[in-house]
Amino acid sequence: MAKVPLTVKGAEKLRAELEELKSVVRPRIIAAIATAREHGDLKENAEYHAAREQQSFAEGRIAEIEAKLSNAQIIDITKLDANGKVVFGATVEIEDIESEKRVIYQIVGEDEANIKEGRISIGSPIARALISKSVEDVVTVKAPAGNVEYEIISIEYI
């Protein structure tokens, strides 16, 4: 299986979620199942079935996170020598040439992407257009509404 890029912060978030699931959520669900079993007939016990469903979701998420972390290529952007180019993990300020609207994005892995927080996936059209470009370069992004041109204002490796 191919390695999936992940920032240091993204890996830390996944590890924290995994720890929470294993040390807090899993024991709580086990206790809920034990309590529900004490109520008797399991066929008609809604609490038992709800707890088992929660257990299934939690175990699935644990397996998913463990798989992601085992296949992750964790990249520490602060230690890279990118020579002023846009690379994975870089924070880039761009300006729409037509509207002069500026926006700041960090290029991250697919699991970390959250447009509301300014993090875009390495596989997104904007990120693909920006990769390997420098400050003052103009990139064209193919968008559903047509091509949009952006100028790179700044690049940070934080």
Protein backbone atom coordinates (compact mmCIF):
# COMPACT_ATOMS: atom_id res chain seq x y z
CA MET A 1 0.00 0.00 0.00
CA ALA A 2 1.30 3.46 -0.90
CA LYS A 3 2.45 5.83 1.81
CA VAL A 4 0.01 8.64 2.55
CA PRO A 5 1.48 12.08 3.37
CA LEU A 6 0.55 13.50 6.76
CA THR A 7 1.75 16.60 8.59
CA VAL A 8 3.17 16.32 12.10
CA LYS A 9 0.06 18.08 13.50
CA GLY A 10 -2.22 15.73 11.56
CA ALA A 11 -0.41 12.68 12.94
CA GLU A 12 -0.64 14.09 16.48
CA LYS A 13 -4.40 14.64 16.08
CA LEU A 14 -4.88 11.07 14.87
CA ARG A 15 -2.79 9.68 17.75
CA ALA A 16 -4.80 11.74 20.27
CA GLU A 17 -8.08 10.48 18.81
CA LEU A 18 -6.79 6.90 18.91
CA GLU A 19 -5.74 7.29 22.56
CA GLU A 20 -9.17 8.76 23.43
CA LEU A 21 -10.95 5.89 21.70
CA LYS A 22 -8.84 3.23 23.40
CA SER A 23 -8.63 4.69 26.91
CA VAL A 24 -11.99 6.47 27.33
CA VAL A 25 -14.57 5.45 24.73
CA ARG A 26 -13.83 1.71 24.60
CA PRO A 27 -14.03 1.19 28.42
CA ARG A 28 -17.22 3.28 28.59
CA ILE A 29 -18.86 1.13 25.90
CA ILE A 30 -17.73 -2.10 27.58
CA ALA A 31 -19.29 -0.89 30.83
CA ALA A 32 -22.53 0.03 29.01
CA ILE A 33 -22.70 -3.45 27.45
CA ALA A 34 -22.15 -5.09 30.85
CA THR A 35 -24.88 -2.96 32.41
CA ALA A 36 -27.29 -3.72 29.57
CA ARG A 37 -26.61 -7.47 29.91
CA GLU A 38 -27.69 -7.30 33.54
CA HIS A 39 -31.16 -6.21 32.39
CA GLY A 40 -31.85 -9.67 31.02
CA ASP A 41 -33.26 -10.71 27.63
CA LEU A 42 -30.78 -9.45 25.02
CA LYS A 43 -33.13 -9.89 22.04
CA GLU A 44 -35.38 -7.05 23.14
CA ASN A 45 -32.81 -4.99 25.00
CA ALA A 46 -32.45 -1.65 23.16
CA GLU A 47 -29.64 -0.46 25.47
CA TYR A 48 -27.60 -3.57 24.68
CA HIS A 49 -28.09 -3.20 20.90
CA ALA A 50 -27.22 0.52 21.03
CA ALA A 51 -24.05 -0.19 23.03
CA ARG A 52 -23.02 -2.95 20.61
CA GLU A 53 -23.56 -0.58 17.69
CA GLN A 54 -21.39 2.07 19.39
CA GLN A 55 -18.76 -0.60 19.99
CA SER A 56 -18.80 -1.52 16.32
CA PHE A 57 -18.31 2.12 15.25
CA ALA A 58 -15.54 2.69 17.80
CA GLU A 59 -13.63 -0.47 16.86
CA GLY A 60 -13.98 0.40 13.17
CA ARG A 61 -12.58 3.89 13.78
CA ILE A 62 -9.71 2.45 15.86
CA ALA A 63 -8.79 0.09 13.02
CA GLU A 64 -9.08 2.91 10.47
CA ILE A 65 -6.78 5.25 12.45
CA GLU A 66 -4.23 2.49 13.10
CA ALA A 67 -4.16 1.70 9.36
CA LYS A 68 -3.74 5.38 8.45
CA LEU A 69 -0.89 5.83 10.90
CA SER A 70 0.86 2.66 9.76
CA ASN A 71 0.72 3.85 6.12
CA ALA A 72 1.56 7.48 6.89
CA GLN A 73 4.61 9.31 5.70
CA ILE A 74 4.87 12.01 8.34
CA ILE A 75 6.42 15.17 6.93
CA ASP A 76 7.80 17.89 9.20
CA ILE A 77 7.61 20.99 7.03
CA THR A 78 9.79 23.02 9.43
CA LYS A 79 12.76 20.74 8.65
CA LEU A 80 12.42 20.73 4.87
CA ASP A 81 14.58 22.81 2.56
CA ALA A 82 12.02 23.73 -0.07
CA ASN A 83 14.03 26.54 -1.70
CA GLY A 84 11.06 28.92 -1.65
CA LYS A 85 8.79 26.51 -3.51
CA VAL A 86 5.30 25.38 -2.56
CA VAL A 87 5.53 21.85 -1.12
CA PHE A 88 3.34 19.56 0.95
CA GLY A 89 2.69 21.20 4.33
CA ALA A 90 3.45 24.74 3.16
CA THR A 91 1.12 27.59 4.05
CA VAL A 92 0.46 29.68 0.96
CA GLU A 93 -1.22 33.07 0.58
CA ILE A 94 -2.75 33.51 -2.85
CA GLU A 95 -4.68 36.31 -4.52
CA ASP A 96 -7.40 35.90 -7.11
CA ILE A 97 -6.14 38.10 -9.95
CA GLU A 98 -9.63 39.06 -11.12
CA SER A 99 -11.29 39.84 -7.77
CA GLU A 100 -8.11 40.67 -5.81
CA LYS A 101 -9.45 38.51 -2.96
CA ARG A 102 -6.70 36.96 -0.85
CA VAL A 103 -6.87 33.62 0.93
CA ILE A 104 -4.41 31.52 2.92
CA TYR A 105 -4.25 27.72 2.61
CA GLN A 106 -2.06 25.05 4.10
CA ILE A 107 -1.54 22.05 1.82
CA VAL A 108 -2.14 18.87 3.84
CA GLY A 109 -3.08 15.20 3.45
CA GLU A 110 -6.61 14.19 2.52
CA ASP A 111 -7.48 13.18 6.10
CA GLU A 112 -6.45 16.58 7.45
CA ALA A 113 -8.20 18.75 4.86
CA ASN A 114 -10.77 21.20 6.23
CA ILE A 115 -11.58 24.17 4.03
CA LYS A 116 -13.16 26.10 6.93
CA GLU A 117 -9.80 25.95 8.73
CA GLY A 118 -7.82 26.83 5.60
CA ARG A 119 -6.37 23.36 5.05
CA ILE A 120 -6.69 21.92 1.55
CA SER A 121 -5.89 18.42 0.34
CA ILE A 122 -2.74 17.79 -1.66
CA GLY A 123 -5.05 16.23 -4.28
CA SER A 124 -7.25 19.32 -4.70
CA PRO A 125 -7.06 21.30 -7.95
CA ILE A 126 -5.69 24.40 -6.17
CA ALA A 127 -2.97 22.44 -4.36
CA ARG A 128 -1.94 20.59 -7.52
CA ALA A 129 -1.62 23.91 -9.35
CA LEU A 130 0.45 25.45 -6.53
CA ILE A 131 2.94 22.62 -5.95
CA SER A 132 6.51 23.52 -6.97
CA LYS A 133 5.64 27.16 -7.71
CA SER A 134 7.30 30.22 -6.10
CA VAL A 135 6.25 33.63 -4.79
CA GLU A 136 4.90 35.91 -7.56
CA ASP A 137 4.16 32.95 -9.85
CA VAL A 138 0.70 32.97 -11.42
CA VAL A 139 -1.17 29.66 -11.48
CA THR A 140 -4.31 28.71 -13.34
CA VAL A 141 -6.79 26.50 -11.49
CA LYS A 142 -9.38 24.61 -13.47
CA ALA A 143 -12.61 25.15 -11.53
CA PRO A 144 -16.16 24.02 -12.40
CA ALA A 145 -17.08 27.65 -13.17
CA GLY A 146 -14.05 28.05 -15.44
CA ASN A 147 -10.37 28.77 -15.07
CA VAL A 148 -9.28 31.01 -12.19
CA GLU A 149 -5.87 32.66 -12.00
CA TYR A 150 -4.09 33.18 -8.68
CA GLU A 151 -0.85 34.93 -7.84
CA ILE A 152 1.24 33.47 -5.02
CA ILE A 153 1.78 36.23 -2.46
CA SER A 154 3.73 34.37 0.22
CA ILE A 155 4.88 30.88 1.23
CA GLU A 156 5.55 29.85 4.83
CA TYR A 157 6.87 26.59 6.26
CA ILE A 158 5.29 26.53 9.71
